[in-house]
Amino acid sequence: MYEWNAEDYARHSGGQEVWARELLGSLDLRPNDCVLDIGSGDGRITAAIAERVPQGRVVGVDSSADMIRHARAAFAGDRRPNLTFMQADASALPFDSQFCVVYSSATLHWVADQRPVIAGIARALRPAGRLVAQMGGYGCAATVIAAMDAVTRRPQWAGAFQDFAFPYAFHRPQDYERWLGEAGFEVDEARLIPKDMVHSDRAAFTGWIRSAWHPYTNRVASPKRVRFIEEAVDQYLASHPPDASGSVHVPMVRLQVRARKPA
């Protein structure tokens, strides 16, 4: 379990937010839908979902206590009585036939074994309910991972990474199609989508590395962590320098899936 700083993440997750809103725009929600958002994070997108279902209900779940605290303070309460946030593990969802739609963006690639997640989603959905999700897909962030790995091999950092294992579940469409089918879903879509994540400058890129790449950064003791992050940023920019406007580009790959629980 990684310790997330919700405020820092909220400041440096613009790329994730853009793609989450794109996915949200394709949901075709009805005003009375009940929606589960898996990986609600700082709560911005979950609040946007709640605004689209004023007669419905939205529950945002996240494994991070700090994310849930931040989301409740910023978006829940009297302002949105149809919105609830709760801490929960995506692999052990505590719901049974409560939702019309399950939505998730930039979350499920954090879970090593997808089968319990998909089984929990199937339980949480009502008959004919829908799953719409995007996550990191096969080949995602390969250039950043290469830069990180190069830095971890340097003598001053190698000791902290001796037993390091690749932490992300970046899958192919056929993997997800198989798992969804095993859980009884009818699959409408499973495809990889290339994306360009754009950070406005070096500082924004550094903030993204600091706030979202915990499997690497948390291996380094806090007093040295800033230096490790700066070396990783330098390594990446040496091969992928900013464009003419100073923006930093990161090639990403999203796995997008849409599936339905049989009626």
Protein backbone atom coordinates (compact mmCIF):
# COMPACT_ATOMS: atom_id res chain seq x y z
CA MET A 1 0.00 0.00 0.00
CA TYR A 2 1.43 3.36 -1.01
CA GLU A 3 0.96 6.60 0.90
CA TRP A 4 -0.68 9.17 -1.36
CA ASN A 5 -0.61 12.92 -0.83
CA ALA A 6 -4.03 13.96 -2.12
CA GLU A 7 -3.23 17.65 -2.39
CA ASP A 8 -0.02 17.03 -4.31
CA TYR A 9 -1.79 14.56 -6.60
CA ALA A 10 -4.62 17.03 -7.26
CA ARG A 11 -2.07 19.64 -8.36
CA HIS A 12 -0.17 17.33 -10.71
CA SER A 13 -2.75 14.98 -12.24
CA GLY A 14 -4.01 17.16 -15.08
CA GLY A 15 -3.21 14.51 -17.67
CA GLN A 16 -5.21 11.86 -15.83
CA GLU A 17 -8.10 14.32 -15.41
CA VAL A 18 -8.29 15.12 -19.13
CA TRP A 19 -8.60 11.45 -20.05
CA ALA A 20 -11.02 10.73 -17.20
CA ARG A 21 -13.33 13.50 -18.41
CA GLU A 22 -13.12 12.18 -21.96
CA LEU A 23 -14.21 8.78 -20.72
CA LEU A 24 -16.93 10.32 -18.56
CA GLY A 25 -18.29 12.12 -21.62
CA SER A 26 -18.93 8.76 -23.27
CA LEU A 27 -20.91 7.25 -20.37
CA ASP A 28 -24.40 8.26 -21.55
CA LEU A 29 -25.71 8.51 -18.00
CA ARG A 30 -29.38 8.81 -17.05
CA PRO A 31 -30.42 11.25 -14.29
CA ASN A 32 -31.37 8.43 -11.90
CA ASP A 33 -28.40 6.11 -12.49
CA CYS A 34 -26.47 4.65 -9.57
CA VAL A 35 -22.73 4.76 -10.33
CA LEU A 36 -19.66 3.29 -8.66
CA ASP A 37 -16.33 5.04 -9.32
CA ILE A 38 -13.41 2.72 -8.56
CA GLY A 39 -10.29 4.75 -7.79
CA SER A 40 -12.01 8.04 -7.05
CA GLY A 41 -8.73 9.72 -6.08
CA ASP A 42 -9.10 13.38 -5.13
CA GLY A 43 -12.82 13.25 -6.02
CA ARG A 44 -13.01 15.67 -8.93
CA ILE A 45 -14.32 13.21 -11.49
CA THR A 46 -16.62 11.47 -9.01
CA ALA A 47 -18.19 14.85 -8.21
CA ALA A 48 -18.67 15.47 -11.94
CA ILE A 49 -20.46 12.12 -12.21
CA ALA A 50 -22.75 13.07 -9.30
CA GLU A 51 -23.74 16.27 -11.07
CA ARG A 52 -24.90 14.20 -14.07
CA VAL A 53 -27.15 11.93 -12.02
CA PRO A 54 -29.07 14.35 -9.75
CA GLN A 55 -31.79 11.79 -8.96
CA GLY A 56 -29.31 8.95 -8.71
CA ARG A 57 -26.48 7.95 -6.39
CA VAL A 58 -22.70 7.91 -6.75
CA VAL A 59 -20.17 6.11 -4.57
CA GLY A 60 -16.46 6.77 -4.98
CA VAL A 61 -14.05 4.23 -3.52
CA ASP A 62 -10.30 4.49 -3.12
CA SER A 63 -7.73 2.51 -1.15
CA SER A 64 -6.03 5.69 0.10
CA ALA A 65 -7.33 7.16 3.36
CA ASP A 66 -5.83 10.54 2.45
CA MET A 67 -7.58 10.59 -0.92
CA ILE A 68 -10.92 9.79 0.75
CA ARG A 69 -10.37 12.50 3.38
CA HIS A 70 -9.59 15.06 0.69
CA ALA A 71 -12.52 14.04 -1.53
CA ARG A 72 -15.03 14.19 1.31
CA ALA A 73 -13.84 17.61 2.39
CA ALA A 74 -13.75 19.06 -1.12
CA PHE A 75 -16.82 17.55 -2.79
CA ALA A 76 -19.22 15.65 -0.51
CA GLY A 77 -21.71 16.77 2.13
CA ASP A 78 -24.67 19.08 1.67
CA ARG A 79 -23.38 20.31 -1.69
CA ARG A 80 -23.91 16.89 -3.27
CA PRO A 81 -26.26 14.75 -1.15
CA ASN A 82 -26.15 12.00 -3.78
CA LEU A 83 -22.37 11.55 -3.43
CA THR A 84 -20.54 9.30 -0.97
CA PHE A 85 -16.86 8.43 -0.61
CA MET A 86 -15.56 5.38 1.19
CA GLN A 87 -12.22 3.64 1.59
CA ALA A 88 -12.21 0.24 -0.07
CA ASP A 89 -9.86 -2.16 -1.84
CA ALA A 90 -10.71 -2.67 -5.52
CA SER A 91 -9.98 -6.38 -5.04
CA ALA A 92 -12.58 -6.70 -2.25
CA LEU A 93 -15.49 -4.48 -3.23
CA PRO A 94 -18.25 -4.63 -0.56
CA PHE A 95 -21.27 -4.24 -2.87
CA ASP A 96 -24.02 -6.52 -4.11
CA SER A 97 -26.29 -5.56 -7.06
CA GLN A 98 -26.30 -1.86 -6.19
CA PHE A 99 -25.12 -0.09 -9.36
CA CYS A 100 -26.21 0.50 -12.95
CA VAL A 101 -22.73 1.63 -14.03
CA VAL A 102 -19.21 0.97 -12.79
CA TYR A 103 -16.67 3.55 -13.98
CA SER A 104 -12.92 3.53 -13.45
CA SER A 105 -10.08 5.60 -14.89
CA ALA A 106 -6.32 5.33 -14.31
CA THR A 107 -6.74 2.91 -11.41
CA LEU A 108 -6.93 -0.78 -12.22
CA HIS A 109 -3.35 -1.04 -13.48
CA TRP A 110 -2.36 -0.70 -9.80
CA VAL A 111 -3.90 -4.12 -9.04
CA ALA A 112 -1.70 -7.14 -9.69
CA ASP A 113 -4.52 -9.70 -10.04
CA GLN A 114 -7.48 -8.44 -12.03
CA ARG A 115 -9.77 -11.43 -11.50
CA PRO A 116 -10.96 -10.48 -7.97
CA VAL A 117 -11.56 -6.93 -9.19
CA ILE A 118 -13.68 -8.06 -12.12
CA ALA A 119 -15.59 -10.52 -9.92
CA GLY A 120 -16.33 -7.72 -7.46
CA ILE A 121 -17.54 -5.47 -10.26
CA ALA A 122 -19.84 -8.24 -11.48
CA ARG A 123 -21.30 -8.57 -7.98
CA ALA A 124 -21.70 -4.80 -7.60
CA LEU A 125 -23.64 -4.40 -10.85
CA ARG A 126 -27.33 -4.99 -11.29
CA PRO A 127 -28.47 -7.19 -14.19
CA ALA A 128 -27.78 -5.36 -17.48
CA GLY A 129 -25.36 -3.05 -15.68
CA ARG A 130 -22.36 -1.62 -17.51
CA LEU A 131 -18.61 -1.44 -16.91
CA VAL A 132 -16.68 1.41 -18.55
CA ALA A 133 -13.00 1.61 -17.66
CA GLN A 134 -9.62 2.85 -18.79
CA MET A 135 -6.29 1.92 -17.27
CA GLY A 136 -2.67 1.73 -18.27
CA GLY A 137 -2.33 -0.81 -21.07
CA TYR A 138 0.48 -2.89 -22.55
CA GLY A 139 3.47 -0.64 -23.31
CA CYS A 140 2.24 2.27 -21.19
CA ALA A 141 4.83 4.82 -20.02
CA ALA A 142 7.67 2.73 -21.42
CA THR A 143 9.94 5.75 -21.83
CA VAL A 144 9.47 6.85 -18.22
CA ILE A 145 9.99 3.31 -16.96
CA ALA A 146 13.22 3.07 -18.97
CA ALA A 147 14.47 6.30 -17.41
CA MET A 148 13.53 5.16 -13.92
CA ASP A 149 15.21 1.80 -14.40
CA ALA A 150 18.39 3.45 -15.65
CA VAL A 151 18.58 5.57 -12.50
CA THR A 152 17.86 2.64 -10.18
CA ARG A 153 20.93 0.84 -11.56
CA ARG A 154 23.28 3.63 -10.49
CA PRO A 155 25.49 2.69 -7.50
CA GLN A 156 23.95 5.28 -5.17
CA TRP A 157 20.44 3.89 -5.69
CA ALA A 158 20.91 0.22 -6.54
CA GLY A 159 20.76 -0.92 -2.93
CA ALA A 160 17.21 0.37 -2.52
CA PHE A 161 16.04 -1.63 -5.55
CA GLN A 162 17.68 -5.02 -5.06
CA ASP A 163 14.38 -6.90 -4.75
CA PHE A 164 12.33 -4.52 -6.89
CA ALA A 165 9.66 -6.12 -9.10
CA PHE A 166 7.73 -4.36 -11.85
CA PRO A 167 4.62 -3.07 -10.06
CA TYR A 168 2.16 -2.19 -12.81
CA ALA A 169 -0.47 -4.41 -14.44
CA PHE A 170 -0.32 -3.18 -18.04
CA HIS A 171 -2.34 -5.77 -19.92
CA ARG A 172 -3.29 -6.58 -23.51
CA PRO A 173 -6.93 -6.43 -24.67
CA GLN A 174 -7.16 -10.19 -25.11
CA ASP A 175 -6.21 -10.68 -21.45
CA TYR A 176 -9.06 -8.51 -20.29
CA GLU A 177 -11.52 -10.03 -22.74
CA ARG A 178 -10.75 -13.46 -21.29
CA TRP A 179 -11.13 -12.34 -17.66
CA LEU A 180 -14.37 -10.47 -18.36
CA GLY A 181 -15.74 -13.51 -20.16
CA GLU A 182 -14.82 -15.76 -17.21
CA ALA A 183 -16.82 -13.43 -14.93
CA GLY A 184 -19.87 -13.65 -17.19
CA PHE A 185 -19.61 -10.28 -18.91
CA GLU A 186 -20.51 -9.59 -22.51
CA VAL A 187 -17.58 -7.59 -23.88
CA ASP A 188 -18.35 -4.64 -26.14
CA GLU A 189 -14.84 -3.20 -26.39
CA ALA A 190 -11.30 -3.96 -25.33
CA ARG A 191 -8.59 -1.98 -27.13
CA LEU A 192 -5.34 -0.12 -26.63
CA ILE A 193 -5.37 3.64 -27.22
CA PRO A 194 -2.07 5.55 -27.66
CA LYS A 195 -2.04 8.84 -25.75
CA ASP A 196 0.29 11.81 -25.40
CA MET A 197 0.46 13.07 -21.82
CA VAL A 198 1.59 16.68 -21.88
CA HIS A 199 3.15 18.46 -18.90
CA SER A 200 3.44 22.23 -19.16
CA ASP A 201 7.10 22.35 -18.07
CA ARG A 202 9.81 20.52 -16.15
CA ALA A 203 8.27 21.44 -12.79
CA ALA A 204 4.91 19.96 -13.78
CA PHE A 205 6.57 16.77 -15.02
CA THR A 206 8.56 16.52 -11.78
CA GLY A 207 5.36 16.96 -9.77
CA TRP A 208 3.74 14.10 -11.69
CA ILE A 209 6.71 11.82 -11.01
CA ARG A 210 6.67 12.77 -7.31
CA SER A 211 2.92 12.40 -6.83
CA ALA A 212 2.18 9.28 -8.90
CA TRP A 213 5.28 7.07 -9.23
CA HIS A 214 5.36 5.75 -5.65
CA PRO A 215 6.55 2.22 -6.49
CA TYR A 216 9.88 3.81 -7.41
CA THR A 217 10.06 6.92 -5.24
CA ASN A 218 8.93 5.25 -2.00
CA ARG A 219 11.88 2.86 -2.19
CA VAL A 220 14.20 5.78 -1.47
CA ALA A 221 14.54 7.19 2.04
CA SER A 222 12.80 10.52 2.43
CA PRO A 223 15.94 12.69 2.82
CA LYS A 224 17.28 11.43 -0.52
CA ARG A 225 14.00 11.16 -2.42
CA VAL A 226 14.09 14.63 -3.94
CA ARG A 227 17.51 13.93 -5.42
CA PHE A 228 16.35 10.58 -6.83
CA ILE A 229 13.38 12.23 -8.51
CA GLU A 230 15.57 14.97 -9.99
CA GLU A 231 17.94 12.37 -11.44
CA ALA A 232 15.01 10.47 -12.95
CA VAL A 233 13.68 13.67 -14.50
CA ASP A 234 17.13 14.54 -15.87
CA GLN A 235 17.45 11.03 -17.32
CA TYR A 236 14.07 11.26 -19.05
CA LEU A 237 14.61 14.76 -20.43
CA ALA A 238 18.03 13.81 -21.80
CA SER A 239 16.26 11.48 -24.26
CA HIS A 240 12.92 13.33 -24.49
CA PRO A 241 13.63 17.04 -24.21
CA PRO A 242 10.84 19.60 -23.88
CA ASP A 243 9.26 20.91 -27.07
CA ALA A 244 9.62 24.49 -28.34
CA SER A 245 7.08 25.74 -25.81
CA GLY A 246 8.78 23.99 -22.89
CA SER A 247 6.17 21.23 -22.58
CA VAL A 248 7.24 17.70 -21.69
CA HIS A 249 5.57 14.85 -23.58
CA VAL A 250 5.14 11.29 -22.34
CA PRO A 251 3.87 8.55 -24.70
CA MET A 252 1.23 6.54 -22.85
CA VAL A 253 -1.06 3.63 -23.74
CA ARG A 254 -4.55 3.20 -22.30
CA LEU A 255 -6.50 -0.04 -22.20
CA GLN A 256 -10.18 0.83 -22.67
CA VAL A 257 -12.86 -1.72 -21.87
CA ARG A 258 -16.65 -1.68 -22.06
CA ALA A 259 -18.70 -4.65 -20.94
CA ARG A 260 -22.24 -5.54 -19.85
CA LYS A 261 -23.61 -7.85 -17.22
CA PRO A 262 -26.30 -10.03 -18.81
CA ALA A 263 -29.90 -9.08 -18.09
